C-alpha atoms as a PDB file:
ATOM      1  CA  UNK A   1      -3.103   7.548  14.565  1.00  0.00           C
ATOM      2  CA  UNK A   2      -5.119  10.655  13.679  1.00  0.00           C
ATOM      3  CA  UNK A   3      -8.875  10.280  13.334  1.00  0.00           C
ATOM      4  CA  UNK A   4     -10.874  12.338  10.874  1.00  0.00           C
ATOM      5  CA  UNK A   5     -14.197  12.150   9.083  1.00  0.00           C
ATOM      6  CA  UNK A   6     -12.519  13.110   5.803  1.00  0.00           C
ATOM      7  CA  UNK A   7     -11.722  10.408   3.216  1.00  0.00           C
ATOM      8  CA  UNK A   8      -8.111   9.198   3.304  1.00  0.00           C
ATOM      9  CA  UNK A   9      -8.074   9.260  -0.514  1.00  0.00           C
ATOM     10  CA  UNK A  10     -10.093  11.658  -2.637  1.00  0.00           C
ATOM     11  CA  UNK A  11      -9.709  11.770  -6.434  1.00  0.00           C
ATOM     12  CA  UNK A  12     -11.550  14.143  -8.776  1.00  0.00           C
ATOM     13  CA  UNK A  13     -11.188  13.952 -12.555  1.00  0.00           C
ATOM     14  CA  UNK A  14      -7.655  12.585 -12.294  1.00  0.00           C
ATOM     15  CA  UNK A  15      -5.655  11.466 -15.332  1.00  0.00           C
ATOM     16  CA  UNK A  16      -2.778   8.996 -14.967  1.00  0.00           C
ATOM     17  CA  UNK A  17       0.143   8.877 -17.380  1.00  0.00           C
ATOM     18  CA  UNK A  18       2.868   6.451 -18.396  1.00  0.00           C
ATOM     19  CA  UNK A  19       5.532   8.675 -19.919  1.00  0.00           C
ATOM     20  CA  UNK A  20       3.499  10.872 -22.298  1.00  0.00           C
ATOM     21  CA  UNK A  21       0.635   8.383 -22.752  1.00  0.00           C
ATOM     22  CA  UNK A  22      -2.634   8.802 -20.887  1.00  0.00           C
ATOM     23  CA  UNK A  23      -3.674   5.422 -19.486  1.00  0.00           C
ATOM     24  CA  UNK A  24      -6.468   6.468 -17.111  1.00  0.00           C
ATOM     25  CA  UNK A  25      -8.742   9.517 -17.345  1.00  0.00           C
ATOM     26  CA  UNK A  26     -11.578  11.131 -15.399  1.00  0.00           C
ATOM     27  CA  UNK A  27     -10.850   9.047 -12.280  1.00  0.00           C
ATOM     28  CA  UNK A  28     -13.170  10.181  -9.492  1.00  0.00           C
ATOM     29  CA  UNK A  29     -13.523   8.190  -6.274  1.00  0.00           C
ATOM     30  CA  UNK A  30     -12.925   8.226  -2.530  1.00  0.00           C
ATOM     31  CA  UNK A  31     -11.557   5.743  -0.023  1.00  0.00           C
ATOM     32  CA  UNK A  32     -12.844   6.252   3.485  1.00  0.00           C
ATOM     33  CA  UNK A  33     -10.964   5.836   6.717  1.00  0.00           C
ATOM     34  CA  UNK A  34     -10.753   2.142   7.633  1.00  0.00           C
ATOM     35  CA  UNK A  35     -11.992   0.941   4.233  1.00  0.00           C
ATOM     36  CA  UNK A  36     -10.474  -2.021   2.365  1.00  0.00           C
ATOM     37  CA  UNK A  37     -10.488  -1.683  -1.430  1.00  0.00           C
ATOM     38  CA  UNK A  38      -9.046  -3.879  -4.184  1.00  0.00           C
ATOM     39  CA  UNK A  39      -7.511  -2.431  -7.350  1.00  0.00           C
ATOM     40  CA  UNK A  40      -7.658  -4.809 -10.316  1.00  0.00           C
ATOM     41  CA  UNK A  41      -7.084  -4.735 -14.059  1.00  0.00           C
ATOM     42  CA  UNK A  42      -4.991  -6.290 -16.798  1.00  0.00           C
ATOM     43  CA  UNK A  43      -1.234  -5.774 -16.921  1.00  0.00           C
ATOM     44  CA  UNK A  44      -0.594  -2.282 -18.293  1.00  0.00           C
ATOM     45  CA  UNK A  45      -4.055  -0.999 -17.365  1.00  0.00           C
ATOM     46  CA  UNK A  46      -2.659   1.597 -14.960  1.00  0.00           C
ATOM     47  CA  UNK A  47      -2.862   0.006 -11.520  1.00  0.00           C
ATOM     48  CA  UNK A  48       0.756   0.516 -10.497  1.00  0.00           C
ATOM     49  CA  UNK A  49       0.904   3.991 -12.033  1.00  0.00           C
ATOM     50  CA  UNK A  50      -2.212   4.993 -10.100  1.00  0.00           C
ATOM     51  CA  UNK A  51      -0.678   3.723  -6.863  1.00  0.00           C
ATOM     52  CA  UNK A  52       2.618   5.479  -7.585  1.00  0.00           C
ATOM     53  CA  UNK A  53       0.745   8.729  -8.180  1.00  0.00           C
ATOM     54  CA  UNK A  54      -1.086   8.378  -4.883  1.00  0.00           C
ATOM     55  CA  UNK A  55       2.101   7.871  -2.864  1.00  0.00           C
ATOM     56  CA  UNK A  56       4.016  10.632  -4.626  1.00  0.00           C
ATOM     57  CA  UNK A  57       6.303   8.599  -6.892  1.00  0.00           C
ATOM     58  CA  UNK A  58       4.749   9.961 -10.093  1.00  0.00           C
ATOM     59  CA  UNK A  59       3.557  13.564 -10.569  1.00  0.00           C
ATOM     60  CA  UNK A  60      -0.156  14.303 -10.861  1.00  0.00           C
ATOM     61  CA  UNK A  61      -0.590  16.498 -13.959  1.00  0.00           C
ATOM     62  CA  UNK A  62      -4.364  16.585 -14.440  1.00  0.00           C
ATOM     63  CA  UNK A  63      -7.106  16.534 -11.805  1.00  0.00           C
ATOM     64  CA  UNK A  64      -7.090  16.896  -8.044  1.00  0.00           C
ATOM     65  CA  UNK A  65      -6.201  14.326  -5.411  1.00  0.00           C
ATOM     66  CA  UNK A  66      -5.819  14.335  -1.668  1.00  0.00           C
ATOM     67  CA  UNK A  67      -4.107  11.525   0.220  1.00  0.00           C
ATOM     68  CA  UNK A  68      -3.910  11.552   4.016  1.00  0.00           C
ATOM     69  CA  UNK A  69      -4.575  15.297   3.954  1.00  0.00           C
ATOM     70  CA  UNK A  70      -1.898  16.098   1.345  1.00  0.00           C
ATOM     71  CA  UNK A  71      -2.733  17.775  -1.961  1.00  0.00           C
ATOM     72  CA  UNK A  72      -1.010  15.477  -4.478  1.00  0.00           C
ATOM     73  CA  UNK A  73      -1.329  17.895  -7.416  1.00  0.00           C
ATOM     74  CA  UNK A  74       0.807  20.523  -5.684  1.00  0.00           C
ATOM     75  CA  UNK A  75       3.063  18.066  -3.828  1.00  0.00           C
ATOM     76  CA  UNK A  76       6.738  19.030  -4.001  1.00  0.00           C
ATOM     77  CA  UNK A  77       9.616  16.572  -3.675  1.00  0.00           C
ATOM     78  CA  UNK A  78      10.541  17.928  -0.248  1.00  0.00           C
ATOM     79  CA  UNK A  79       6.979  17.233   0.934  1.00  0.00           C
ATOM     80  CA  UNK A  80       7.027  13.590  -0.170  1.00  0.00           C
ATOM     81  CA  UNK A  81       8.778  12.356   3.036  1.00  0.00           C
ATOM     82  CA  UNK A  82       6.025  13.987   5.102  1.00  0.00           C
ATOM     83  CA  UNK A  83       3.352  12.225   3.026  1.00  0.00           C
ATOM     84  CA  UNK A  84       5.216   8.923   3.477  1.00  0.00           C
ATOM     85  CA  UNK A  85       4.986   9.338   7.269  1.00  0.00           C
ATOM     86  CA  UNK A  86       1.191   9.191   6.962  1.00  0.00           C
ATOM     87  CA  UNK A  87       0.976   6.201   4.620  1.00  0.00           C
ATOM     88  CA  UNK A  88       2.496   2.747   4.263  1.00  0.00           C
ATOM     89  CA  UNK A  89       3.696   1.093   1.041  1.00  0.00           C
ATOM     90  CA  UNK A  90       3.961  -2.679   0.506  1.00  0.00           C
ATOM     91  CA  UNK A  91       5.808  -3.804  -2.619  1.00  0.00           C
ATOM     92  CA  UNK A  92       5.589  -7.150  -4.414  1.00  0.00           C
ATOM     93  CA  UNK A  93       9.380  -7.351  -4.768  1.00  0.00           C
ATOM     94  CA  UNK A  94       9.958  -6.441  -1.092  1.00  0.00           C
ATOM     95  CA  UNK A  95      12.677  -3.790  -1.722  1.00  0.00           C
ATOM     96  CA  UNK A  96      14.502  -4.745   1.468  1.00  0.00           C
ATOM     97  CA  UNK A  97      18.140  -3.793   2.028  1.00  0.00           C
ATOM     98  CA  UNK A  98      19.905  -7.151   1.868  1.00  0.00           C
ATOM     99  CA  UNK A  99      23.183  -5.915   3.352  1.00  0.00           C
ATOM    100  CA  UNK A 100      21.656  -5.304   6.789  1.00  0.00           C
ATOM    101  CA  UNK A 101      19.496  -7.090   9.346  1.00  0.00           C
ATOM    102  CA  UNK A 102      15.723  -6.908   9.624  1.00  0.00           C
ATOM    103  CA  UNK A 103      16.003  -4.505  12.559  1.00  0.00           C
ATOM    104  CA  UNK A 104      18.461  -2.337  10.633  1.00  0.00           C
ATOM    105  CA  UNK A 105      16.059  -2.233   7.681  1.00  0.00           C
ATOM    106  CA  UNK A 106      13.326  -0.923   9.954  1.00  0.00           C
ATOM    107  CA  UNK A 107      15.662   1.452  11.771  1.00  0.00           C
ATOM    108  CA  UNK A 108      16.674   2.953   8.407  1.00  0.00           C
ATOM    109  CA  UNK A 109      13.042   3.941   7.728  1.00  0.00           C
ATOM    110  CA  UNK A 110      12.488   5.343  11.215  1.00  0.00           C
ATOM    111  CA  UNK A 111      15.631   7.471  10.993  1.00  0.00           C
ATOM    112  CA  UNK A 112      14.580   8.720   7.550  1.00  0.00           C
ATOM    113  CA  UNK A 113      11.201   9.776   8.918  1.00  0.00           C
ATOM    114  CA  UNK A 114      12.516  11.691  11.908  1.00  0.00           C
ATOM    115  CA  UNK A 115      12.847   9.178  14.744  1.00  0.00           C
ATOM    116  CA  UNK A 116      15.934  10.017  16.821  1.00  0.00           C
ATOM    117  CA  UNK A 117      15.335   8.534  20.266  1.00  0.00           C
ATOM    118  CA  UNK A 118      17.181   5.169  20.345  1.00  0.00           C
ATOM    119  CA  UNK A 119      14.884   3.683  22.981  1.00  0.00           C
ATOM    120  CA  UNK A 120      11.722   4.634  21.056  1.00  0.00           C
ATOM    121  CA  UNK A 121      13.228   3.291  17.826  1.00  0.00           C
ATOM    122  CA  UNK A 122      14.065  -0.052  19.457  1.00  0.00           C
ATOM    123  CA  UNK A 123      10.617  -0.331  21.051  1.00  0.00           C
ATOM    124  CA  UNK A 124       8.797   0.534  17.826  1.00  0.00           C
ATOM    125  CA  UNK A 125      10.757  -2.071  15.867  1.00  0.00           C
ATOM    126  CA  UNK A 126       9.840  -4.700  18.467  1.00  0.00           C
ATOM    127  CA  UNK A 127       6.174  -3.650  18.341  1.00  0.00           C
ATOM    128  CA  UNK A 128       5.759  -3.930  14.564  1.00  0.00           C
ATOM    129  CA  UNK A 129       7.679  -7.209  14.305  1.00  0.00           C
ATOM    130  CA  UNK A 130       5.512  -8.686  17.040  1.00  0.00           C
ATOM    131  CA  UNK A 131       2.409  -7.474  15.242  1.00  0.00           C
ATOM    132  CA  UNK A 132       3.350  -9.369  12.073  1.00  0.00           C
ATOM    133  CA  UNK A 133       4.404 -12.473  14.024  1.00  0.00           C
ATOM    134  CA  UNK A 134       8.164 -12.089  13.524  1.00  0.00           C
ATOM    135  CA  UNK A 135       9.433 -10.911  16.897  1.00  0.00           C
ATOM    136  CA  UNK A 136      12.271 -13.475  16.764  1.00  0.00           C
ATOM    137  CA  UNK A 137      13.862 -12.384  13.445  1.00  0.00           C
ATOM    138  CA  UNK A 138      15.127  -8.887  14.273  1.00  0.00           C
ATOM    139  CA  UNK A 139      18.777  -9.886  13.993  1.00  0.00           C
ATOM    140  CA  UNK A 140      18.451 -12.082  10.917  1.00  0.00           C
ATOM    141  CA  UNK A 141      19.439 -11.034   7.402  1.00  0.00           C
ATOM    142  CA  UNK A 142      16.627 -10.890   4.809  1.00  0.00           C
ATOM    143  CA  UNK A 143      18.135 -13.768   2.778  1.00  0.00           C
ATOM    144  CA  UNK A 144      17.729 -16.011   5.840  1.00  0.00           C
ATOM    145  CA  UNK A 145      13.945 -15.570   5.691  1.00  0.00           C
ATOM    146  CA  UNK A 146      11.331 -17.233   3.502  1.00  0.00           C
ATOM    147  CA  UNK A 147       9.398 -15.203   0.935  1.00  0.00           C
ATOM    148  CA  UNK A 148       6.406 -15.017   3.251  1.00  0.00           C
ATOM    149  CA  UNK A 149       8.568 -13.845   6.138  1.00  0.00           C
ATOM    150  CA  UNK A 150      10.198 -11.200   3.954  1.00  0.00           C
ATOM    151  CA  UNK A 151       6.769  -9.904   2.971  1.00  0.00           C
ATOM    152  CA  UNK A 152       5.799  -9.724   6.645  1.00  0.00           C
ATOM    153  CA  UNK A 153       8.915  -7.629   7.262  1.00  0.00           C
ATOM    154  CA  UNK A 154       7.812  -5.336   4.432  1.00  0.00           C
ATOM    155  CA  UNK A 155       4.385  -5.002   6.063  1.00  0.00           C
ATOM    156  CA  UNK A 156       6.045  -4.302   9.421  1.00  0.00           C
ATOM    157  CA  UNK A 157       8.103  -1.598   7.718  1.00  0.00           C
ATOM    158  CA  UNK A 158       4.928  -0.073   6.271  1.00  0.00           C
ATOM    159  CA  UNK A 159       3.337   0.024   9.742  1.00  0.00           C
ATOM    160  CA  UNK A 160       6.205   1.828  11.492  1.00  0.00           C
ATOM    161  CA  UNK A 161       4.625   5.290  11.410  1.00  0.00           C
ATOM    162  CA  UNK A 162       1.052   4.122  12.120  1.00  0.00           C
ATOM    163  CA  UNK A 163      -0.248   4.960   8.633  1.00  0.00           C
ATOM    164  CA  UNK A 164      -3.813   5.973   7.893  1.00  0.00           C
ATOM    165  CA  UNK A 165      -3.674   3.873   4.708  1.00  0.00           C
ATOM    166  CA  UNK A 166      -1.571   1.053   3.255  1.00  0.00           C
ATOM    167  CA  UNK A 167      -0.928   0.982  -0.502  1.00  0.00           C
ATOM    168  CA  UNK A 168      -0.101  -2.606  -1.469  1.00  0.00           C
ATOM    169  CA  UNK A 169       1.041  -3.435  -5.017  1.00  0.00           C
ATOM    170  CA  UNK A 170       0.540  -7.172  -5.675  1.00  0.00           C
ATOM    171  CA  UNK A 171       1.719  -8.077  -2.142  1.00  0.00           C
ATOM    172  CA  UNK A 172       1.027 -11.795  -2.634  1.00  0.00           C
ATOM    173  CA  UNK A 173       2.196 -12.029  -6.253  1.00  0.00           C
ATOM    174  CA  UNK A 174       5.366 -13.976  -5.430  1.00  0.00           C
ATOM    175  CA  UNK A 175       3.915 -16.167  -2.671  1.00  0.00           C
ATOM    176  CA  UNK A 176       2.398 -19.644  -2.687  1.00  0.00           C
ATOM    177  CA  UNK A 177      -1.301 -20.083  -1.747  1.00  0.00           C
ATOM    178  CA  UNK A 178      -0.788 -21.112   1.885  1.00  0.00           C
ATOM    179  CA  UNK A 179       1.512 -18.171   2.565  1.00  0.00           C
ATOM    180  CA  UNK A 180      -0.859 -15.874   0.675  1.00  0.00           C
ATOM    181  CA  UNK A 181      -3.712 -16.674   3.067  1.00  0.00           C
ATOM    182  CA  UNK A 182      -1.527 -15.867   6.053  1.00  0.00           C
ATOM    183  CA  UNK A 183      -0.550 -12.514   4.534  1.00  0.00           C
ATOM    184  CA  UNK A 184      -4.186 -11.738   3.700  1.00  0.00           C
ATOM    185  CA  UNK A 185      -5.274 -12.588   7.250  1.00  0.00           C
ATOM    186  CA  UNK A 186      -2.640 -10.124   8.450  1.00  0.00           C
ATOM    187  CA  UNK A 187      -3.982  -7.410   6.126  1.00  0.00           C
ATOM    188  CA  UNK A 188      -7.491  -8.088   7.429  1.00  0.00           C
ATOM    189  CA  UNK A 189      -6.297  -7.703  11.028  1.00  0.00           C
ATOM    190  CA  UNK A 190      -4.506  -4.437  10.181  1.00  0.00           C
ATOM    191  CA  UNK A 191      -7.613  -3.150   8.423  1.00  0.00           C
ATOM    192  CA  UNK A 192      -9.866  -4.167  11.320  1.00  0.00           C
ATOM    193  CA  UNK A 193      -7.700  -2.032  13.614  1.00  0.00           C
ATOM    194  CA  UNK A 194      -8.632   1.061  11.568  1.00  0.00           C
ATOM    195  CA  UNK A 195      -6.022   1.336   8.809  1.00  0.00           C
ATOM    196  CA  UNK A 196      -7.417   1.709   5.292  1.00  0.00           C
ATOM    197  CA  UNK A 197      -5.993  -0.579   2.589  1.00  0.00           C
ATOM    198  CA  UNK A 198      -5.808  -0.165  -1.193  1.00  0.00           C
ATOM    199  CA  UNK A 199      -4.457  -3.420  -2.641  1.00  0.00           C
ATOM    200  CA  UNK A 200      -3.644  -4.121  -6.275  1.00  0.00           C
ATOM    201  CA  UNK A 201      -4.022  -7.819  -7.068  1.00  0.00           C
ATOM    202  CA  UNK A 202      -4.416 -10.319  -9.916  1.00  0.00           C
ATOM    203  CA  UNK A 203      -5.543 -13.102  -7.577  1.00  0.00           C
ATOM    204  CA  UNK A 204      -9.168 -14.159  -8.144  1.00  0.00           C
ATOM    205  CA  UNK A 205      -9.094 -16.464  -5.128  1.00  0.00           C
ATOM    206  CA  UNK A 206      -8.324 -13.527  -2.830  1.00  0.00           C
ATOM    207  CA  UNK A 207     -11.309 -11.587  -4.191  1.00  0.00           C
ATOM    208  CA  UNK A 208     -13.601 -14.555  -3.559  1.00  0.00           C
ATOM    209  CA  UNK A 209     -12.261 -15.490  -0.121  1.00  0.00           C
ATOM    210  CA  UNK A 210     -12.006 -11.901   1.168  1.00  0.00           C
ATOM    211  CA  UNK A 211     -14.733  -9.982  -0.701  1.00  0.00           C
ATOM    212  CA  UNK A 212     -14.498  -6.178  -0.531  1.00  0.00           C
ATOM    213  CA  UNK A 213     -15.153  -3.177  -2.753  1.00  0.00           C
ATOM    214  CA  UNK A 214     -13.298  -3.336  -6.094  1.00  0.00           C
ATOM    215  CA  UNK A 215     -11.877  -0.640  -8.359  1.00  0.00           C
ATOM    216  CA  UNK A 216     -11.196  -1.977 -11.865  1.00  0.00           C
ATOM    217  CA  UNK A 217      -8.879  -0.289 -14.385  1.00  0.00           C
ATOM    218  CA  UNK A 218     -10.351  -0.965 -17.810  1.00  0.00           C
ATOM    219  CA  UNK A 219     -10.062   0.824 -21.164  1.00  0.00           C
ATOM    220  CA  UNK A 220      -8.780   4.032 -19.637  1.00  0.00           C
ATOM    221  CA  UNK A 221     -11.396   4.242 -16.911  1.00  0.00           C
ATOM    222  CA  UNK A 222     -11.679   3.150 -13.289  1.00  0.00           C
ATOM    223  CA  UNK A 223     -14.895   1.248 -12.592  1.00  0.00           C
ATOM    224  CA  UNK A 224     -16.160   1.144  -8.998  1.00  0.00           C
ATOM    225  CA  UNK A 225     -18.140  -1.850  -7.708  1.00  0.00           C
ATOM    226  CA  UNK A 226     -19.847   0.475  -5.229  1.00  0.00           C
ATOM    227  CA  UNK A 227     -21.454   2.371  -8.129  1.00  0.00           C
ATOM    228  CA  UNK A 228     -21.736  -0.088 -11.017  1.00  0.00           C
ATOM    229  CA  UNK A 229     -21.718  -3.784 -11.797  1.00  0.00           C
ATOM    230  CA  UNK A 230     -18.968  -5.332 -13.866  1.00  0.00           C
ATOM    231  CA  UNK A 231     -17.666  -8.805 -14.615  1.00  0.00           C
ATOM    232  CA  UNK A 232     -14.340 -10.153 -13.437  1.00  0.00           C
ATOM    233  CA  UNK A 233     -12.728 -12.852 -15.583  1.00  0.00           C
ATOM    234  CA  UNK A 234      -9.314 -14.513 -15.457  1.00  0.00           C
ATOM    235  CA  UNK A 235      -6.655 -11.891 -16.092  1.00  0.00           C
ATOM    236  CA  UNK A 236      -9.298  -9.219 -15.411  1.00  0.00           C
END
């Protein structure tokens, strides 16, 4: 992993769109290396669109943003794979390939990001599965795993290229409370090892049990708990 004193995310007067509608404006904030930040807000407030903009899935039309050293405003589609090698993405709905094994799912990502040495690929798959506590499931199909195990595979996939930051969109949204705590403990361990985390969540219990800095999408703005006080209520 590369070490730098620069923020891993830097936003200045960014506007976020859904189709032609502006849903967030004048977003200015930074996320430092190794920081853990929550992203909250009501459904439709812009959380997922903000995340998608940061990892290059939606174009940035207004404002400037840098993520892992990449200028998002001028990012071209052929540069997106290079950005994705520096970051990790954890989805709520897993987005695993259900026609292939866990190991084959991970191998697919490594191949797509330039890994060609078979021995290194095999070793890296073993390393990330061991890190998430699933070293025995490499040859299983995703449907043979529980929801919590599938989410751990998704986290393992996100860790393959030693990202400087993980973007997690409601990673515990489909999991029961006991499994949620295990996943959150894993995120804490990953963060403690130096990887920054930006996690969108609706779960109040997570915010109370694992308190960290909070960014709140509200009425077209992003409020930052590091700069201002705001109230969190059910549904945000």
